[in-house]
Amino acid sequence: MRRSRGFSMAEVLVALAVLAIVITTTIAMFAERTKRLRQASETILAWQALSNEAEYWRRESFSQIDVASNQTFKSDLSILTPLAPYTTAVKVDSPRADIRNVTLTIRWAANREAHLAVARVNTGGSGLW
C-alpha cells in the first residue's frame, strides 16, 4: 500500500466550500447585528425625547392644552439630531370636557415612528400632579 501525503482535491474543495459558507454566514450575521444596533439606538433616542416631552405636557396647565390650536413639541430636540431628517407631531383630542389626550409622535427614516400618549384630567388643581 502506498503512503499518501496531503489531501485529495475533493477533500480540499469540500473544506473550502464549508469555510465559504461559515464566512458568508458570519458576515451576514454581523451586518444584521449592526442594523439592529442602529435601530435600537434610534429607538432609544426617540423614546428619550418622547419622555422629555411628556414631562412638559404633564406640567402644562390644563387650560393651556387646547384641542383647536396647533401644538408643537416644547422640549429641546437636539437629542434627535442623529435621526435627521425627522418630524414631530402633537395631537390633542378631548373625549370629554375635563379630559385631554395628548399623543406625541416622532417619525424618522421614512417608515420608523414612536408614539407616546399622555392623558390629562382637569382636577382643578395646579396641574402639577
Protein backbone atom coordinates (compact mmCIF):
# COMPACT_ATOMS: atom_id res chain seq x y z
CA MET A 1 0.00 0.00 0.00
CA ARG A 2 1.32 3.36 -0.97
CA ARG A 3 1.54 6.06 1.70
CA SER A 4 -0.44 9.11 0.74
CA ARG A 5 0.70 12.56 1.70
CA GLY A 6 -1.68 15.55 1.94
CA PHE A 7 -5.30 15.79 0.96
CA SER A 8 -7.09 14.92 -2.23
CA MET A 9 -8.57 17.60 -4.44
CA ALA A 10 -12.12 16.64 -3.42
CA GLU A 11 -11.31 17.00 0.28
CA VAL A 12 -9.80 20.45 -0.27
CA LEU A 13 -12.82 21.62 -2.31
CA VAL A 14 -15.27 20.39 0.33
CA ALA A 15 -13.26 22.13 3.08
CA LEU A 16 -13.24 25.38 1.05
CA ALA A 17 -17.00 25.15 0.47
CA VAL A 18 -17.65 24.68 4.19
CA LEU A 19 -15.31 27.57 5.01
CA ALA A 20 -17.06 29.81 2.45
CA ILE A 21 -20.46 29.02 3.99
CA VAL A 22 -19.19 29.79 7.50
CA ILE A 23 -17.59 33.08 6.43
CA THR A 24 -20.67 34.18 4.45
CA THR A 25 -22.99 33.39 7.36
CA THR A 26 -20.74 35.24 9.81
CA ILE A 27 -20.61 38.35 7.62
CA ALA A 28 -24.41 38.29 7.21
CA MET A 29 -24.85 37.97 10.99
CA PHE A 30 -22.56 40.93 11.65
CA ALA A 31 -24.39 43.04 9.07
CA GLU A 32 -27.76 42.19 10.66
CA ARG A 33 -26.35 42.88 14.13
CA THR A 34 -25.12 46.31 13.04
CA LYS A 35 -28.52 47.12 11.53
CA ARG A 36 -30.36 46.06 14.69
CA LEU A 37 -27.98 48.01 16.95
CA ARG A 38 -28.56 51.14 14.87
CA GLN A 39 -32.33 50.65 15.03
CA ALA A 40 -32.17 50.10 18.80
CA SER A 41 -30.09 53.26 19.28
CA GLU A 42 -32.54 55.27 17.18
CA THR A 43 -35.49 53.89 19.14
CA ILE A 44 -33.82 54.75 22.46
CA LEU A 45 -33.19 58.32 21.29
CA ALA A 46 -36.80 58.69 20.15
CA TRP A 47 -38.19 57.37 23.46
CA GLN A 48 -35.86 59.63 25.45
CA ALA A 49 -37.13 62.63 23.51
CA LEU A 50 -40.75 61.49 23.98
CA SER A 51 -40.20 61.06 27.72
CA ASN A 52 -38.73 64.56 27.98
CA GLU A 53 -41.66 65.98 26.04
CA ALA A 54 -44.20 64.09 28.17
CA GLU A 55 -42.85 65.89 31.24
CA TYR A 56 -43.54 69.26 29.58
CA TRP A 57 -47.09 68.20 28.79
CA ARG A 58 -47.59 66.76 32.26
CA ARG A 59 -46.62 70.08 33.84
CA GLU A 60 -48.60 72.21 31.37
CA SER A 61 -51.67 73.89 32.84
CA PHE A 62 -54.82 72.04 31.79
CA SER A 63 -56.36 75.24 30.45
CA GLN A 64 -53.40 75.74 28.08
CA ILE A 65 -53.84 72.35 26.44
CA ASP A 66 -56.13 73.39 23.63
CA VAL A 67 -57.60 70.99 21.09
CA ALA A 68 -58.13 73.63 18.41
CA SER A 69 -54.65 75.19 18.35
CA ASN A 70 -51.70 73.69 16.52
CA GLN A 71 -49.50 72.23 19.24
CA THR A 72 -45.79 71.54 18.79
CA PHE A 73 -43.03 69.91 20.82
CA LYS A 74 -41.87 72.19 23.64
CA SER A 75 -38.69 70.38 24.68
CA ASP A 76 -35.18 70.65 23.27
CA LEU A 77 -34.97 68.24 20.33
CA SER A 78 -31.19 68.31 19.88
CA ILE A 79 -31.11 64.71 21.16
CA LEU A 80 -32.81 63.73 17.88
CA THR A 81 -30.03 65.11 15.66
CA PRO A 82 -28.76 61.60 14.73
CA LEU A 83 -32.27 60.77 13.42
CA ALA A 84 -32.35 63.67 10.96
CA PRO A 85 -34.42 64.13 8.95
CA TYR A 86 -37.25 63.58 11.39
CA THR A 87 -40.68 65.06 12.02
CA THR A 88 -42.59 65.60 15.23
CA ALA A 89 -46.32 65.87 15.77
CA VAL A 90 -48.61 66.61 18.68
CA LYS A 91 -52.26 65.61 18.53
CA VAL A 92 -54.65 66.77 21.24
CA ASP A 93 -58.17 65.43 21.43
CA SER A 94 -60.82 65.79 24.08
CA PRO A 95 -63.28 62.93 24.57
CA ARG A 96 -64.89 64.92 27.43
CA ALA A 97 -64.62 68.50 28.64
CA ASP A 98 -62.41 67.54 31.58
CA ILE A 99 -60.06 65.20 29.68
CA ARG A 100 -57.31 65.93 27.14
CA ASN A 101 -55.48 63.11 25.38
CA VAL A 102 -52.12 64.27 24.07
CA THR A 103 -50.41 61.97 21.56
CA LEU A 104 -46.75 62.71 20.81
CA THR A 105 -45.23 61.27 17.64
CA ILE A 106 -41.73 61.20 16.18
CA ARG A 107 -41.17 59.89 12.63
CA TRP A 108 -37.77 59.19 11.09
CA ALA A 109 -36.08 57.02 8.44
CA ALA A 110 -39.12 57.01 6.14
CA ASN A 111 -41.02 54.27 7.98
CA ARG A 112 -39.91 54.36 11.63
CA GLU A 113 -42.04 56.07 14.26
CA ALA A 114 -42.62 56.19 18.00
CA HIS A 115 -45.77 57.33 19.81
CA LEU A 116 -46.46 58.26 23.41
CA ALA A 117 -49.89 59.17 24.74
CA VAL A 118 -50.44 61.34 27.82
CA ALA A 119 -53.90 61.58 29.36
CA ARG A 120 -54.56 64.81 31.24
CA VAL A 121 -57.56 65.29 33.51
CA ASN A 122 -58.76 68.60 34.90
CA THR A 123 -58.55 68.05 38.65
CA GLY A 124 -58.99 71.71 39.44
CA GLY A 125 -55.53 71.88 40.99
CA SER A 126 -52.31 73.50 39.86
CA GLY A 127 -51.80 70.93 37.11
CA LEU A 128 -48.51 69.66 38.52
CA TRP A 129 -49.88 66.46 40.00
